[in-house]
Amino acid sequence: MKRIFLLLFAALALAACNAASPGGDGPVPPAAELEHGMIVLGEQLEDPYSVDNISRALQNLYPTRSERVIPEPTDLYIRFLPADREQLDRLLSLGLTLLDHPVDYRILREGDYYHDPAVPEGAITWQYAVVSADFPLPEGIRCEVLDECYIAENDPGSRADGIDWTAVEREAYRLTGNGALLADASRDGTAAAVHAEGDILLVDPAAGADPVGVHGVMVVCNSFVKIGKGFTDEKGHYRLNRAFSTEMRYRIVFKNEKGFATGFNFILIPASVSTLGTAGPEGVSVTIDAHSERSLFCRSVINNACWDYFASCSGDGGESINMPPDNLRIWCFQFLDVSGAVMMQHGCLIDQTLVGQWLGSYASLVKMFLPDLVIGLKSCSDCQDIYSLVLHECAHASHYTKVGNDFWDPLAEFMLKSFASAGTMSYGSEQDENSGYVAVAEMWAYSVQTALMNKRYGNGLGYGYSYWFHPQILSWLDERGITRFKVFKALDAEVADRQTLRERIIYYYPEYKSIINQAFSRYE
């Protein structure tokens, strides 16, 4: 981990200065020109899915049946105001699809986030959701029911009542003044609803000429309170779980189906959102490269690097290393030049005296919203740069699952004290107290980073080879059959210096004793 703890908090301050919301009115721009700041809302619209409006539409189209078929609420449109991270995590644990903005307002300017002006800066903004009518409201979390809604797909009785509910839905759009949102082919009332599908692709020229899929991210679409979602497969293809006949707002939510989330928009949320704009119900596709909007590009590369790292944790012949912990939370900062596996959400404790000495009021903010991996993107210009950082920090996260906080806490403290003594962050020296934690952790992470980067890009680079702890020791062993899978077996919590690492690898693989001794002796 490099220079992360102090600069993490400085990054939060810069975020507040650099992420100003766009101003001005005007129509939603095309996807290629979308703003990626704060959403700008216009006037409130009438929700066609309210029980009253669906009932009116049913009466218009089926005047004789409407007395027998009475829509009852299937869903509630609701908003929550979590007081802290724990309450937000409780909502997420319920499986809710949360949006940080209301869905019944005209969007004057698209963006990736929204913060209600009535909510103080630094606090969690209102979180909007659509839940089943019998959803038990969580105790202790402020919430408001905004509307009772009828969505035919959520009513089992609608499948055999002889009603064309897609036609009723279209009529409700017209009655509420939202007819312009109907897809062109459905405005005459004849078109069926369709399941949107498309491809989210990423171009990485150094790894091959053909685009690859952005793996396992969620595509979320909505038209008012009707929400559809679907995960991309390994090829980047998605298909929504709901059919629509209207224009929709498309967004990528970087909460991966493998359990990790790339977070930090302007506000601190578990998974970042990149808007793809408004389009018809047939779906949208997008190809992302280094010239695309910067946040979307970086989030996509981080996502794929994590996905690929997770896949690399299993080797041939049943060998494996621990995958990073569940619910891994990744923050990425465009203006930060450092990265680190702070593992704070999973319990790494940072000495609050040291933190308070340098970090001031930001200490309490990060205490509320705890990252695990922090990726500093300031010096990254292409996929390779980002991949290398992510692989390194993911390797730390795997190590963390083996050694826990008793190992990670002194490692974090070492980095802070190194800053205090040097005035800049470094890995210190071998003579410093607790330097063994740094040696073992960084030897492991740099050697994994080297192996996976060379496998992907074939550039023969050696990452971190100039540092005093010499990660090339493990790379040299890897070339001679003592792979990262074998080394990981030796990374017990008691292995907190280079000599103990050497002894533990020999203990597990005595047949390689001479090679192991030769590797370590080369760099003593």
Protein backbone atom coordinates (compact mmCIF):
# COMPACT_ATOMS: atom_id res chain seq x y z
CA MET A 1 0.00 0.00 0.00
CA LYS A 2 1.36 3.39 -0.94
CA ARG A 3 0.89 6.82 0.62
CA ILE A 4 -2.80 6.27 1.03
CA PHE A 5 -4.13 7.17 4.44
CA LEU A 6 -3.49 10.89 4.55
CA LEU A 7 -4.16 11.45 0.88
CA LEU A 8 -7.45 9.58 1.02
CA PHE A 9 -8.91 12.29 3.19
CA ALA A 10 -7.42 15.06 1.10
CA ALA A 11 -9.14 13.46 -1.87
CA LEU A 12 -12.49 13.81 -0.16
CA ALA A 13 -11.93 17.52 0.24
CA LEU A 14 -10.98 17.84 -3.42
CA ALA A 15 -14.08 15.92 -4.44
CA ALA A 16 -16.26 18.56 -2.87
CA CYS A 17 -14.43 21.25 -4.87
CA ASN A 18 -14.11 19.51 -8.24
CA ALA A 19 -17.49 17.88 -8.71
CA ALA A 20 -19.65 20.99 -9.06
CA SER A 21 -23.06 20.34 -10.56
CA PRO A 22 -23.77 21.61 -14.07
CA GLY A 23 -26.14 24.52 -14.46
CA GLY A 24 -28.57 25.69 -17.09
CA ASP A 25 -31.66 24.26 -18.72
CA GLY A 26 -32.19 22.42 -21.94
CA PRO A 27 -33.08 19.03 -23.39
CA VAL A 28 -31.31 15.85 -22.39
CA PRO A 29 -28.16 15.63 -24.58
CA PRO A 30 -27.41 12.53 -26.67
CA ALA A 31 -25.48 9.77 -24.95
CA ALA A 32 -22.14 10.81 -26.45
CA GLU A 33 -22.48 14.28 -24.92
CA LEU A 34 -23.93 13.38 -21.54
CA GLU A 35 -22.86 15.31 -18.50
CA HIS A 36 -21.41 13.14 -15.77
CA GLY A 37 -21.90 15.56 -12.91
CA MET A 38 -25.07 16.02 -10.90
CA ILE A 39 -28.51 15.43 -12.39
CA VAL A 40 -30.56 18.61 -12.88
CA LEU A 41 -34.27 18.11 -12.25
CA GLY A 42 -37.16 19.97 -13.87
CA GLU A 43 -40.83 19.87 -12.99
CA GLN A 44 -42.60 16.96 -11.34
CA LEU A 45 -44.54 14.70 -13.71
CA GLU A 46 -47.69 12.73 -13.05
CA ASP A 47 -46.93 9.05 -12.50
CA PRO A 48 -48.90 6.91 -14.99
CA TYR A 49 -48.47 3.85 -12.74
CA SER A 50 -50.37 5.24 -9.76
CA VAL A 51 -53.40 3.12 -8.90
CA ASP A 52 -55.71 6.03 -9.73
CA ASN A 53 -54.22 6.60 -13.17
CA ILE A 54 -54.15 2.92 -14.10
CA SER A 55 -57.80 2.70 -12.99
CA ARG A 56 -58.71 5.65 -15.22
CA ALA A 57 -56.94 4.06 -18.17
CA LEU A 58 -58.68 0.74 -17.53
CA GLN A 59 -62.06 2.48 -17.46
CA ASN A 60 -61.32 4.15 -20.81
CA LEU A 61 -60.32 0.93 -22.58
CA TYR A 62 -62.54 -1.61 -20.81
CA PRO A 63 -65.58 0.27 -19.51
CA THR A 64 -67.63 -2.90 -18.94
CA ARG A 65 -64.88 -4.89 -17.25
CA SER A 66 -63.50 -2.14 -15.06
CA GLU A 67 -66.19 -2.74 -12.46
CA ARG A 68 -65.03 -6.35 -12.06
CA VAL A 69 -61.27 -5.83 -12.45
CA ILE A 70 -60.19 -3.38 -9.77
CA PRO A 71 -56.44 -2.66 -9.60
CA GLU A 72 -55.07 -3.00 -6.11
CA PRO A 73 -51.62 -1.64 -5.21
CA THR A 74 -48.84 -4.01 -6.21
CA ASP A 75 -45.97 -1.66 -5.37
CA LEU A 76 -45.07 1.32 -3.24
CA TYR A 77 -42.94 4.20 -4.46
CA ILE A 78 -40.99 5.13 -1.38
CA ARG A 79 -37.99 7.11 -0.27
CA PHE A 80 -35.61 6.53 2.62
CA LEU A 81 -33.25 8.90 4.39
CA PRO A 82 -30.50 6.77 6.00
CA ALA A 83 -28.84 8.52 8.91
CA ASP A 84 -25.51 6.74 8.50
CA ARG A 85 -23.63 3.98 6.73
CA GLU A 86 -25.14 1.26 8.90
CA GLN A 87 -28.66 2.26 7.90
CA LEU A 88 -27.70 2.45 4.23
CA ASP A 89 -26.12 -1.00 4.46
CA ARG A 90 -29.32 -2.32 6.04
CA LEU A 91 -31.33 -1.09 3.07
CA LEU A 92 -28.88 -2.61 0.60
CA SER A 93 -28.98 -5.92 2.47
CA LEU A 94 -32.71 -6.08 1.72
CA GLY A 95 -31.94 -6.33 -1.99
CA LEU A 96 -33.47 -2.98 -2.88
CA THR A 97 -32.60 -1.17 -6.10
CA LEU A 98 -31.89 2.29 -4.70
CA LEU A 99 -31.77 5.48 -6.74
CA ASP A 100 -30.49 8.77 -5.37
CA HIS A 101 -33.03 10.83 -7.33
CA PRO A 102 -36.82 10.84 -7.76
CA VAL A 103 -38.17 9.03 -10.82
CA ASP A 104 -41.23 11.23 -11.39
CA TYR A 105 -39.42 14.44 -12.42
CA ARG A 106 -38.35 15.67 -15.81
CA ILE A 107 -34.58 15.43 -16.25
CA LEU A 108 -33.23 18.70 -17.61
CA ARG A 109 -29.67 17.52 -17.62
CA GLU A 110 -28.44 13.98 -17.17
CA GLY A 111 -25.71 13.00 -14.74
CA ASP A 112 -24.34 10.22 -12.60
CA TYR A 113 -25.67 11.31 -9.21
CA TYR A 114 -28.09 13.61 -7.39
CA HIS A 115 -28.03 15.20 -3.97
CA ASP A 116 -31.24 16.69 -2.62
CA PRO A 117 -30.65 20.39 -1.83
CA ALA A 118 -32.65 20.00 1.39
CA VAL A 119 -30.16 17.40 2.68
CA PRO A 120 -26.94 18.82 4.18
CA GLU A 121 -23.73 18.27 2.23
CA GLY A 122 -21.80 15.31 3.59
CA ALA A 123 -25.00 13.51 4.66
CA ILE A 124 -26.59 10.66 2.71
CA THR A 125 -29.24 11.97 0.35
CA TRP A 126 -32.74 10.53 -0.06
CA GLN A 127 -32.73 7.02 -1.53
CA TYR A 128 -35.71 6.17 -3.75
CA ALA A 129 -37.01 2.65 -4.30
CA VAL A 130 -40.01 0.74 -5.58
CA VAL A 131 -41.01 -2.09 -3.25
CA SER A 132 -43.83 -4.61 -3.11
CA ALA A 133 -47.02 -3.42 -1.45
CA ASP A 134 -46.48 -5.79 1.46
CA PHE A 135 -42.84 -4.77 2.01
CA PRO A 136 -42.11 -4.47 5.75
CA LEU A 137 -40.68 -1.01 6.30
CA PRO A 138 -37.40 -1.24 8.24
CA GLU A 139 -37.62 0.11 11.74
CA GLY A 140 -35.57 3.12 12.74
CA ILE A 141 -34.92 4.41 9.19
CA ARG A 142 -36.78 7.53 8.12
CA CYS A 143 -39.01 6.82 5.14
CA GLU A 144 -41.96 8.27 3.22
CA VAL A 145 -44.45 6.46 0.97
CA LEU A 146 -44.81 8.71 -2.08
CA ASP A 147 -47.34 6.75 -4.12
CA GLU A 148 -49.29 3.50 -4.35
CA CYS A 149 -48.70 1.95 -7.76
CA TYR A 150 -50.02 -0.80 -9.99
CA ILE A 151 -47.55 -2.68 -12.21
CA ALA A 152 -49.34 -5.50 -13.98
CA GLU A 153 -46.31 -7.81 -14.12
CA ASN A 154 -46.36 -7.88 -10.33
CA ASP A 155 -50.02 -8.97 -10.13
CA PRO A 156 -50.42 -12.73 -10.69
CA GLY A 157 -54.11 -12.22 -11.38
CA SER A 158 -53.38 -10.05 -14.42
CA ARG A 159 -52.21 -13.05 -16.43
CA ALA A 160 -55.68 -14.55 -16.83
CA ASP A 161 -58.10 -11.63 -16.65
CA GLY A 162 -58.30 -10.98 -20.40
CA ILE A 163 -56.96 -7.44 -20.09
CA ASP A 164 -54.23 -6.13 -22.40
CA TRP A 165 -52.28 -4.43 -19.63
CA THR A 166 -49.65 -3.10 -22.03
CA ALA A 167 -52.43 -1.17 -23.78
CA VAL A 168 -53.72 0.04 -20.40
CA GLU A 169 -50.22 1.20 -19.51
CA ARG A 170 -49.93 3.14 -22.78
CA GLU A 171 -53.32 4.74 -22.16
CA ALA A 172 -52.18 5.79 -18.67
CA TYR A 173 -49.18 7.52 -20.24
CA ARG A 174 -51.47 9.46 -22.56
CA LEU A 175 -53.92 10.39 -19.82
CA THR A 176 -51.15 11.81 -17.64
CA GLY A 177 -49.60 13.91 -20.39
CA ASN A 178 -46.66 11.55 -20.86
CA GLY A 179 -47.62 10.21 -24.29
CA ALA A 180 -44.46 11.62 -25.85
CA LEU A 181 -42.49 9.04 -23.86
CA LEU A 182 -44.16 6.14 -25.64
CA ALA A 183 -41.97 4.45 -28.20
CA ASP A 184 -42.91 5.47 -31.74
CA ALA A 185 -44.11 1.99 -32.68
CA SER A 186 -46.42 1.82 -29.66
CA ARG A 187 -48.19 5.15 -30.06
CA ASP A 188 -50.89 3.59 -32.25
CA GLY A 189 -51.57 1.07 -29.47
CA THR A 190 -50.51 -2.01 -31.44
CA ALA A 191 -46.89 -2.62 -30.50
CA ALA A 192 -46.01 -5.14 -27.81
CA ALA A 193 -43.61 -4.37 -24.97
CA VAL A 194 -40.08 -5.69 -25.47
CA HIS A 195 -37.14 -6.67 -23.27
CA ALA A 196 -34.28 -4.25 -23.89
CA GLU A 197 -30.93 -5.82 -24.65
CA GLY A 198 -27.55 -4.66 -25.83
CA ASP A 199 -23.78 -4.86 -25.37
CA ILE A 200 -21.44 -2.94 -23.07
CA LEU A 201 -17.95 -3.28 -24.57
CA LEU A 202 -14.45 -2.09 -23.70
CA VAL A 203 -11.51 -1.52 -26.05
CA ASP A 204 -8.04 -2.35 -24.67
CA PRO A 205 -5.68 -2.06 -27.68
CA ALA A 206 -2.64 -3.44 -25.85
CA ALA A 207 -4.51 -6.68 -25.11
CA GLY A 208 -6.02 -7.17 -28.57
CA ALA A 209 -7.79 -5.37 -31.38
CA ASP A 210 -11.30 -6.62 -30.64
CA PRO A 211 -13.47 -5.09 -27.90
CA VAL A 212 -14.25 -7.26 -24.90
CA GLY A 213 -17.36 -7.27 -22.74
CA VAL A 214 -17.62 -5.25 -19.56
CA HIS A 215 -18.25 -8.25 -17.34
CA GLY A 216 -20.94 -8.67 -14.72
CA VAL A 217 -22.17 -5.08 -14.28
CA MET A 218 -25.81 -4.21 -13.76
CA VAL A 219 -27.75 -2.27 -16.37
CA VAL A 220 -30.73 -0.55 -14.74
CA CYS A 221 -33.51 1.15 -16.69
CA ASN A 222 -36.68 2.86 -15.61
CA SER A 223 -39.68 4.69 -16.86
CA PHE A 224 -41.21 6.30 -13.79
CA VAL A 225 -41.61 3.59 -11.12
CA LYS A 226 -41.30 0.69 -13.53
CA ILE A 227 -37.72 -0.55 -13.18
CA GLY A 228 -35.93 -3.20 -15.16
CA LYS A 229 -32.44 -4.56 -14.67
CA GLY A 230 -30.04 -7.17 -15.92
CA PHE A 231 -26.38 -8.14 -15.54
CA THR A 232 -23.97 -8.24 -18.45
CA ASP A 233 -22.48 -11.63 -19.20
CA GLU A 234 -18.80 -12.22 -19.89
CA LYS A 235 -19.29 -10.95 -23.44
CA GLY A 236 -20.88 -7.74 -22.17
CA HIS A 237 -24.42 -8.65 -23.29
CA TYR A 238 -27.42 -7.81 -21.12
CA ARG A 239 -31.17 -8.37 -21.32
CA LEU A 240 -33.62 -6.67 -18.97
CA ASN A 241 -35.90 -8.71 -16.74
CA ARG A 242 -38.89 -6.51 -17.67
CA ALA A 243 -40.55 -5.56 -20.94
CA PHE A 244 -41.18 -1.90 -21.84
CA SER A 245 -42.95 0.02 -24.59
CA THR A 246 -41.68 3.44 -23.56
CA GLU A 247 -38.51 5.44 -23.65
CA MET A 248 -36.31 4.68 -20.64
CA ARG A 249 -33.32 6.05 -18.78
CA TYR A 250 -30.38 3.66 -19.01
CA ARG A 251 -27.64 3.48 -16.38
CA ILE A 252 -24.73 1.17 -15.60
CA VAL A 253 -24.45 0.37 -11.90
CA PHE A 254 -20.96 -0.83 -11.05
CA LYS A 255 -22.10 -3.38 -8.51
CA ASN A 256 -20.67 -6.56 -9.96
CA GLU A 257 -22.48 -9.87 -9.73
CA LYS A 258 -19.31 -11.37 -8.25
CA GLY A 259 -19.83 -9.22 -5.16
CA PHE A 260 -17.48 -6.25 -5.54
CA ALA A 261 -18.58 -2.66 -6.08
CA THR A 262 -16.74 0.24 -7.66
CA GLY A 263 -17.90 3.23 -5.67
CA PHE A 264 -17.57 6.94 -5.05
CA ASN A 265 -19.43 9.31 -7.26
CA PHE A 266 -19.63 12.79 -5.78
CA ILE A 267 -21.34 11.33 -2.73
CA LEU A 268 -20.17 8.25 -0.92
CA ILE A 269 -22.23 5.35 -2.18
CA PRO A 270 -21.42 1.65 -2.41
CA ALA A 271 -21.48 1.51 -6.23
CA SER A 272 -20.97 4.22 -8.81
CA VAL A 273 -23.47 4.88 -11.57
CA SER A 274 -22.70 5.96 -15.14
CA THR A 275 -25.65 7.23 -17.13
CA LEU A 276 -26.18 6.14 -20.73
CA GLY A 277 -29.03 8.57 -21.32
CA THR A 278 -32.58 8.08 -22.58
CA ALA A 279 -33.41 5.66 -25.39
CA GLY A 280 -36.17 3.42 -26.64
CA PRO A 281 -37.22 0.06 -25.21
CA GLU A 282 -35.19 -1.97 -27.69
CA GLY A 283 -31.97 -1.32 -25.72
CA VAL A 284 -28.70 0.53 -26.12
CA SER A 285 -25.15 -0.60 -26.77
CA VAL A 286 -21.96 1.27 -26.02
CA THR A 287 -18.29 0.73 -26.81
CA ILE A 288 -15.93 2.34 -24.28
CA ASP A 289 -12.31 3.27 -24.81
CA ALA A 290 -9.70 5.65 -23.43
CA HIS A 291 -11.35 8.53 -25.31
CA SER A 292 -14.75 7.93 -23.71
CA GLU A 293 -16.00 9.89 -20.74
CA ARG A 294 -13.24 9.47 -18.16
CA SER A 295 -15.24 8.10 -15.21
CA LEU A 296 -17.09 5.56 -17.35
CA PHE A 297 -13.82 4.37 -18.89
CA CYS A 298 -12.02 4.02 -15.56
CA ARG A 299 -14.90 2.27 -13.82
CA SER A 300 -15.18 -0.20 -16.70
CA VAL A 301 -11.47 -1.04 -16.62
CA ILE A 302 -11.45 -1.39 -12.83
CA ASN A 303 -14.48 -3.68 -13.08
CA ASN A 304 -12.85 -5.92 -15.68
CA ALA A 305 -9.52 -5.99 -13.85
CA CYS A 306 -11.27 -7.15 -10.68
CA TRP A 307 -13.28 -9.72 -12.61
CA ASP A 308 -10.12 -11.06 -14.23
CA TYR A 309 -8.31 -11.12 -10.90
CA PHE A 310 -11.14 -13.14 -9.33
CA ALA A 311 -10.88 -15.60 -12.22
CA SER A 312 -7.10 -15.86 -11.70
CA CYS A 313 -7.57 -17.08 -8.14
CA SER A 314 -8.21 -20.59 -9.46
CA GLY A 315 -5.41 -22.40 -11.27
CA ASP A 316 -4.95 -25.66 -13.10
CA GLY A 317 -5.10 -28.86 -11.11
CA GLY A 318 -7.32 -27.46 -8.38
CA GLU A 319 -4.79 -24.91 -7.07
CA SER A 320 -6.26 -21.71 -5.71
CA ILE A 321 -5.70 -18.63 -3.62
CA ASN A 322 -8.34 -16.90 -1.58
CA MET A 323 -10.53 -14.50 -3.50
CA PRO A 324 -10.90 -11.04 -1.96
CA PRO A 325 -13.54 -10.81 0.76
CA ASP A 326 -17.22 -10.61 -0.05
CA ASN A 327 -18.76 -7.19 -0.62
CA LEU A 328 -15.40 -5.66 -1.54
CA ARG A 329 -15.81 -1.87 -1.73
CA ILE A 330 -13.55 -0.05 -4.20
CA TRP A 331 -13.17 3.73 -4.34
CA CYS A 332 -11.56 5.41 -7.33
CA PHE A 333 -10.29 8.98 -7.45
CA GLN A 334 -9.32 10.82 -10.63
CA PHE A 335 -7.11 13.35 -8.83
CA LEU A 336 -5.32 10.96 -6.46
CA ASP A 337 -1.91 9.56 -7.40
CA VAL A 338 -1.81 6.75 -4.86
CA SER A 339 -3.58 3.43 -4.31
CA GLY A 340 -3.98 1.15 -1.34
CA ALA A 341 -5.79 -1.81 0.20
CA VAL A 342 -7.01 -0.13 3.38
CA MET A 343 -9.66 -2.82 4.11
CA MET A 344 -11.50 -0.43 6.41
CA GLN A 345 -14.98 -1.78 5.70
CA HIS A 346 -13.77 -5.21 6.77
CA GLY A 347 -12.40 -4.01 10.09
CA CYS A 348 -8.88 -2.66 9.63
CA LEU A 349 -8.38 -0.22 12.49
CA ILE A 350 -6.26 2.86 11.96
CA ASP A 351 -4.75 4.54 15.00
CA GLN A 352 -7.17 7.41 15.54
CA THR A 353 -4.51 9.53 17.26
CA LEU A 354 -2.34 9.36 14.18
CA VAL A 355 -5.33 9.88 11.91
CA GLY A 356 -6.58 12.89 13.83
CA GLN A 357 -3.12 14.51 13.84
CA TRP A 358 -3.08 14.84 10.05
CA LEU A 359 -6.60 14.31 8.78
CA GLY A 360 -8.75 16.57 10.93
CA SER A 361 -12.49 16.53 10.30
CA TYR A 362 -12.27 14.11 7.38
CA ALA A 363 -11.46 11.28 9.78
CA SER A 364 -15.11 11.05 10.86
CA LEU A 365 -16.32 11.06 7.23
CA VAL A 366 -14.23 8.09 6.17
CA LYS A 367 -15.14 6.36 9.42
CA MET A 368 -18.76 6.48 8.19
CA PHE A 369 -18.08 5.27 4.64
CA LEU A 370 -15.36 2.68 4.76
CA PRO A 371 -13.46 1.71 1.61
CA ASP A 372 -11.49 -1.50 1.13
CA LEU A 373 -9.48 -0.67 -1.97
CA VAL A 374 -8.62 2.85 -3.09
CA ILE A 375 -7.47 3.32 -6.69
CA GLY A 376 -5.68 6.58 -7.53
CA LEU A 377 -6.09 7.32 -11.24
CA LYS A 378 -4.25 10.62 -11.70
CA SER A 379 -1.30 9.09 -13.56
CA CYS A 380 -3.31 6.50 -15.47
CA SER A 381 -3.77 7.11 -19.18
CA ASP A 382 -4.73 3.69 -20.52
CA CYS A 383 -6.08 0.29 -19.57
CA GLN A 384 -2.64 -1.07 -18.70
CA ASP A 385 -2.01 1.59 -16.09
CA ILE A 386 -5.32 0.92 -14.36
CA TYR A 387 -5.08 -2.85 -14.64
CA SER A 388 -1.72 -2.91 -12.90
CA LEU A 389 -2.99 -0.90 -9.92
CA VAL A 390 -6.13 -2.99 -9.51
CA LEU A 391 -4.32 -6.33 -9.73
CA HIS A 392 -1.84 -5.16 -7.08
CA GLU A 393 -4.54 -4.09 -4.63
CA CYS A 394 -6.66 -7.18 -5.27
CA ALA A 395 -3.62 -9.30 -4.43
CA HIS A 396 -3.43 -7.42 -1.11
CA ALA A 397 -7.12 -8.16 -0.53
CA SER A 398 -6.53 -11.90 -1.02
CA HIS A 399 -3.62 -11.74 1.44
CA TYR A 400 -5.88 -9.92 3.91
CA THR A 401 -8.35 -12.82 3.92
CA LYS A 402 -5.54 -15.10 5.08
CA VAL A 403 -3.93 -12.92 7.77
CA GLY A 404 -6.73 -10.67 9.06
CA ASN A 405 -6.57 -7.43 11.00
CA ASP A 406 -3.86 -8.52 13.45
CA PHE A 407 -1.49 -8.39 10.48
CA TRP A 408 -3.09 -5.48 8.62
CA ASP A 409 -3.31 -3.04 11.54
CA PRO A 410 0.48 -2.77 12.14
CA LEU A 411 0.98 -2.56 8.38
CA ALA A 412 -1.34 0.48 8.25
CA GLU A 413 0.35 2.03 11.26
CA PHE A 414 3.76 1.58 9.65
CA MET A 415 2.65 3.54 6.58
CA LEU A 416 1.37 6.45 8.70
CA LYS A 417 4.51 6.59 10.82
CA SER A 418 6.63 6.46 7.70
CA PHE A 419 4.86 9.58 6.50
CA ALA A 420 5.42 11.29 9.85
CA SER A 421 9.15 10.68 9.81
CA ALA A 422 9.89 11.29 6.13
CA GLY A 423 7.34 13.95 5.23
CA THR A 424 6.35 11.79 2.29
CA MET A 425 5.05 8.28 1.93
CA SER A 426 7.42 5.46 1.10
CA TYR A 427 8.00 1.87 2.12
CA GLY A 428 10.49 2.98 4.74
CA SER A 429 13.60 0.86 5.19
CA GLU A 430 14.36 -2.66 6.28
CA GLN A 431 15.67 -1.38 9.61
CA ASP A 432 12.35 0.22 10.63
CA GLU A 433 10.16 -1.44 13.24
CA ASN A 434 7.48 -3.62 11.65
CA SER A 435 9.11 -3.35 8.23
CA GLY A 436 8.64 -7.11 7.89
CA TYR A 437 4.90 -6.61 7.40
CA VAL A 438 5.61 -4.33 4.46
CA ALA A 439 8.17 -6.74 3.01
CA VAL A 440 5.84 -9.73 3.00
CA ALA A 441 2.73 -7.83 1.85
CA GLU A 442 4.46 -5.98 -0.98
CA MET A 443 6.59 -8.91 -2.16
CA TRP A 444 3.37 -10.85 -2.59
CA ALA A 445 1.36 -8.08 -4.27
CA TYR A 446 4.10 -7.00 -6.67
CA SER A 447 4.88 -10.56 -7.71
CA VAL A 448 1.20 -11.30 -8.44
CA GLN A 449 0.90 -8.00 -10.30
CA THR A 450 3.95 -8.91 -12.43
CA ALA A 451 2.71 -12.41 -13.23
CA LEU A 452 -0.82 -11.36 -14.23
CA MET A 453 0.25 -8.29 -16.18
CA ASN A 454 2.80 -10.31 -18.15
CA LYS A 455 0.17 -12.96 -18.84
CA ARG A 456 -2.25 -10.35 -20.15
CA TYR A 457 0.07 -7.98 -21.98
CA GLY A 458 3.24 -10.03 -22.49
CA ASN A 459 5.50 -7.08 -21.79
CA GLY A 460 7.99 -8.82 -19.47
CA LEU A 461 7.92 -6.03 -16.88
CA GLY A 462 8.92 -6.47 -13.27
CA TYR A 463 6.79 -4.33 -10.99
CA GLY A 464 8.37 -3.02 -7.79
CA TYR A 465 11.73 -4.64 -8.47
CA SER A 466 13.70 -1.61 -7.30
CA TYR A 467 12.38 -1.68 -3.73
CA TRP A 468 14.40 -2.95 -0.77
CA PHE A 469 12.11 -5.96 -0.17
CA HIS A 470 12.82 -7.34 -3.69
CA PRO A 471 9.56 -8.85 -4.98
CA GLN A 472 11.58 -10.38 -7.82
CA ILE A 473 12.43 -13.14 -5.34
CA LEU A 474 8.90 -14.51 -5.70
CA SER A 475 8.84 -13.85 -9.44
CA TRP A 476 12.08 -15.81 -9.77
CA LEU A 477 10.54 -18.70 -7.81
CA ASP A 478 7.40 -18.57 -9.95
CA GLU A 479 9.48 -19.12 -13.07
CA ARG A 480 10.92 -22.26 -11.43
CA GLY A 481 7.65 -23.90 -10.42
CA ILE A 482 6.94 -22.33 -7.02
CA THR A 483 3.87 -20.49 -8.27
CA ARG A 484 1.78 -17.85 -6.53
CA PHE A 485 -0.60 -20.63 -5.52
CA LYS A 486 2.19 -22.36 -3.63
CA VAL A 487 3.47 -19.13 -2.08
CA PHE A 488 -0.02 -18.20 -0.91
CA LYS A 489 -0.17 -21.38 1.13
CA ALA A 490 2.79 -20.07 3.11
CA LEU A 491 1.30 -16.62 3.83
CA ASP A 492 0.06 -17.35 7.33
CA ALA A 493 -0.53 -14.50 9.79
CA GLU A 494 2.72 -15.41 11.56
CA VAL A 495 4.72 -14.75 8.39
CA ALA A 496 5.57 -11.11 9.11
CA ASP A 497 9.13 -10.81 7.78
CA ARG A 498 11.13 -12.02 4.82
CA GLN A 499 13.13 -14.65 6.68
CA THR A 500 9.98 -16.26 8.10
CA LEU A 501 8.47 -16.27 4.62
CA ARG A 502 11.56 -18.07 3.34
CA GLU A 503 11.35 -20.68 6.12
CA ARG A 504 7.63 -21.21 5.65
CA ILE A 505 7.92 -21.81 1.89
CA ILE A 506 10.70 -24.34 2.57
CA TYR A 507 8.52 -26.01 5.21
CA TYR A 508 5.73 -26.59 2.69
CA TYR A 509 7.99 -27.42 -0.27
CA PRO A 510 11.23 -28.97 1.05
CA GLU A 511 11.96 -30.47 -2.36
CA TYR A 512 12.58 -26.89 -3.57
CA LYS A 513 14.85 -25.93 -0.66
CA SER A 514 17.96 -25.20 -2.70
CA ILE A 515 16.05 -23.10 -5.24
CA ILE A 516 14.29 -21.15 -2.46
CA ASN A 517 17.54 -20.44 -0.63
CA GLN A 518 19.19 -19.41 -3.87
CA ALA A 519 16.38 -16.96 -4.67
CA PHE A 520 16.42 -15.26 -1.29
CA SER A 521 20.24 -15.22 -1.09
CA ARG A 522 20.52 -13.40 -4.42
CA TYR A 523 18.93 -10.29 -2.87
CA GLU A 524 20.20 -10.24 0.71
